[in-house]
Amino acid sequence: MADTATAPACRRSQVSEEEIIRRLNRRLDQYGLRIRKTPDGSQARHRLGTFFVLDIESNTCNQKNIDIEQMAREHDCLSVLETLIASDY
């Protein structure tokens, strides 16, 4: 058996916001939903947060103030060995 105290820690892979959004959009596509990012400094950012879920059919906001890392984990789009890196996407 390996000694867990001396075993090297598992290395986490870094995943960009853009990639997480792509993964989530593929998963949510079956429900007619898409993740969208609001523009910096816009009124929409104050109302909807940085990320929101858009219902494609009705063109309405389904959820606002989304934590994309948490949502990706809930939908199995991000493994435990992956972590979000912020980007200027």
C-alpha atoms as a PDB file:
ATOM      1  CA  MET A   1       0.000   0.000   0.000  1.00  0.00           C
ATOM      2  CA  ALA A   2       1.175   3.511  -0.745  1.00  0.00           C
ATOM      3  CA  ASP A   3       1.770   5.845   2.140  1.00  0.00           C
ATOM      4  CA  THR A   4      -0.762   8.644   1.611  1.00  0.00           C
ATOM      5  CA  ALA A   5       1.286  11.058   3.715  1.00  0.00           C
ATOM      6  CA  THR A   6       4.178  10.887   1.238  1.00  0.00           C
ATOM      7  CA  ALA A   7       2.201  10.286  -1.964  1.00  0.00           C
ATOM      8  CA  PRO A   8       2.242  13.236  -4.386  1.00  0.00           C
ATOM      9  CA  ALA A   9      -0.925  15.310  -4.479  1.00  0.00           C
ATOM     10  CA  CYS A  10      -3.164  14.928  -7.503  1.00  0.00           C
ATOM     11  CA  ARG A  11      -2.596  17.688  -9.973  1.00  0.00           C
ATOM     12  CA  ARG A  12      -5.637  19.677 -11.063  1.00  0.00           C
ATOM     13  CA  SER A  13      -6.145  20.630 -14.691  1.00  0.00           C
ATOM     14  CA  GLN A  14      -7.138  24.197 -15.391  1.00  0.00           C
ATOM     15  CA  VAL A  15     -10.121  24.806 -17.670  1.00  0.00           C
ATOM     16  CA  SER A  16     -11.018  28.198 -19.158  1.00  0.00           C
ATOM     17  CA  GLU A  17     -14.401  29.915 -18.826  1.00  0.00           C
ATOM     18  CA  GLU A  18     -14.846  29.552 -22.576  1.00  0.00           C
ATOM     19  CA  GLU A  19     -14.383  25.766 -22.410  1.00  0.00           C
ATOM     20  CA  ILE A  20     -16.745  25.403 -19.445  1.00  0.00           C
ATOM     21  CA  ILE A  21     -19.383  27.437 -21.278  1.00  0.00           C
ATOM     22  CA  ARG A  22     -18.964  25.200 -24.356  1.00  0.00           C
ATOM     23  CA  ARG A  23     -19.379  22.063 -22.235  1.00  0.00           C
ATOM     24  CA  LEU A  24     -22.417  23.438 -20.405  1.00  0.00           C
ATOM     25  CA  ASN A  25     -24.070  24.623 -23.620  1.00  0.00           C
ATOM     26  CA  ARG A  26     -23.710  21.155 -25.160  1.00  0.00           C
ATOM     27  CA  ARG A  27     -25.316  19.652 -22.041  1.00  0.00           C
ATOM     28  CA  LEU A  28     -28.114  22.267 -21.784  1.00  0.00           C
ATOM     29  CA  ASP A  29     -28.880  22.191 -25.511  1.00  0.00           C
ATOM     30  CA  GLN A  30     -31.257  19.249 -25.011  1.00  0.00           C
ATOM     31  CA  TYR A  31     -33.408  21.506 -22.788  1.00  0.00           C
ATOM     32  CA  GLY A  32     -33.353  24.482 -25.158  1.00  0.00           C
ATOM     33  CA  LEU A  33     -31.124  26.483 -22.798  1.00  0.00           C
ATOM     34  CA  ARG A  34     -27.817  28.342 -23.294  1.00  0.00           C
ATOM     35  CA  ILE A  35     -25.294  29.999 -20.984  1.00  0.00           C
ATOM     36  CA  ARG A  36     -24.613  33.620 -21.872  1.00  0.00           C
ATOM     37  CA  LYS A  37     -22.116  36.150 -20.508  1.00  0.00           C
ATOM     38  CA  THR A  38     -23.150  39.774 -20.109  1.00  0.00           C
ATOM     39  CA  PRO A  39     -20.848  42.563 -21.355  1.00  0.00           C
ATOM     40  CA  ASP A  40     -18.578  44.300 -18.830  1.00  0.00           C
ATOM     41  CA  GLY A  41     -20.098  47.463 -17.357  1.00  0.00           C
ATOM     42  CA  SER A  42     -23.519  46.922 -18.937  1.00  0.00           C
ATOM     43  CA  GLN A  43     -26.893  47.395 -17.272  1.00  0.00           C
ATOM     44  CA  ALA A  44     -27.552  43.724 -17.997  1.00  0.00           C
ATOM     45  CA  ARG A  45     -24.584  42.752 -15.803  1.00  0.00           C
ATOM     46  CA  HIS A  46     -26.261  44.501 -12.857  1.00  0.00           C
ATOM     47  CA  ARG A  47     -29.609  42.787 -13.526  1.00  0.00           C
ATOM     48  CA  LEU A  48     -28.465  39.328 -14.637  1.00  0.00           C
ATOM     49  CA  GLY A  49     -24.973  38.877 -13.184  1.00  0.00           C
ATOM     50  CA  THR A  50     -21.911  37.886 -15.170  1.00  0.00           C
ATOM     51  CA  PHE A  51     -23.488  34.650 -16.455  1.00  0.00           C
ATOM     52  CA  PHE A  52     -27.123  33.757 -17.010  1.00  0.00           C
ATOM     53  CA  VAL A  53     -29.169  30.963 -18.590  1.00  0.00           C
ATOM     54  CA  LEU A  54     -31.183  31.900 -21.666  1.00  0.00           C
ATOM     55  CA  ASP A  55     -34.286  29.967 -22.756  1.00  0.00           C
ATOM     56  CA  ILE A  56     -33.783  29.851 -26.537  1.00  0.00           C
ATOM     57  CA  GLU A  57     -37.438  29.270 -27.452  1.00  0.00           C
ATOM     58  CA  SER A  58     -38.896  32.163 -25.453  1.00  0.00           C
ATOM     59  CA  ASN A  59     -35.715  34.316 -25.520  1.00  0.00           C
ATOM     60  CA  THR A  60     -36.036  34.949 -21.790  1.00  0.00           C
ATOM     61  CA  CYS A  61     -33.719  34.640 -18.830  1.00  0.00           C
ATOM     62  CA  ASN A  62     -34.234  31.292 -17.121  1.00  0.00           C
ATOM     63  CA  GLN A  63     -31.682  31.785 -14.298  1.00  0.00           C
ATOM     64  CA  LYS A  64     -29.433  34.679 -13.372  1.00  0.00           C
ATOM     65  CA  ASN A  65     -26.216  35.140 -11.358  1.00  0.00           C
ATOM     66  CA  ILE A  66     -24.912  31.705 -12.376  1.00  0.00           C
ATOM     67  CA  ASP A  67     -21.726  30.289 -10.868  1.00  0.00           C
ATOM     68  CA  ILE A  68     -20.531  28.422 -13.973  1.00  0.00           C
ATOM     69  CA  GLU A  69     -18.010  26.283 -12.087  1.00  0.00           C
ATOM     70  CA  GLN A  70     -20.664  25.039  -9.654  1.00  0.00           C
ATOM     71  CA  MET A  71     -23.196  24.514 -12.448  1.00  0.00           C
ATOM     72  CA  ALA A  72     -20.626  22.600 -14.517  1.00  0.00           C
ATOM     73  CA  ARG A  73     -19.957  20.289 -11.570  1.00  0.00           C
ATOM     74  CA  GLU A  74     -23.698  19.736 -10.994  1.00  0.00           C
ATOM     75  CA  HIS A  75     -24.130  18.761 -14.669  1.00  0.00           C
ATOM     76  CA  ASP A  76     -20.975  16.580 -14.729  1.00  0.00           C
ATOM     77  CA  CYS A  77     -19.232  18.906 -17.182  1.00  0.00           C
ATOM     78  CA  LEU A  78     -16.247  19.456 -14.872  1.00  0.00           C
ATOM     79  CA  SER A  79     -14.439  16.662 -13.055  1.00  0.00           C
ATOM     80  CA  VAL A  80     -13.073  16.865  -9.523  1.00  0.00           C
ATOM     81  CA  LEU A  81      -9.568  17.083 -10.987  1.00  0.00           C
ATOM     82  CA  GLU A  82     -10.426  20.205 -13.025  1.00  0.00           C
ATOM     83  CA  THR A  83     -10.672  23.794 -11.874  1.00  0.00           C
ATOM     84  CA  LEU A  84     -11.826  27.040 -13.466  1.00  0.00           C
ATOM     85  CA  ILE A  85      -9.314  29.673 -14.508  1.00  0.00           C
ATOM     86  CA  ALA A  86     -10.664  33.165 -15.049  1.00  0.00           C
ATOM     87  CA  SER A  87     -10.223  34.651 -18.495  1.00  0.00           C
ATOM     88  CA  ASP A  88     -11.181  37.706 -20.497  1.00  0.00           C
ATOM     89  CA  TYR A  89     -13.662  35.707 -22.585  1.00  0.00           C
END
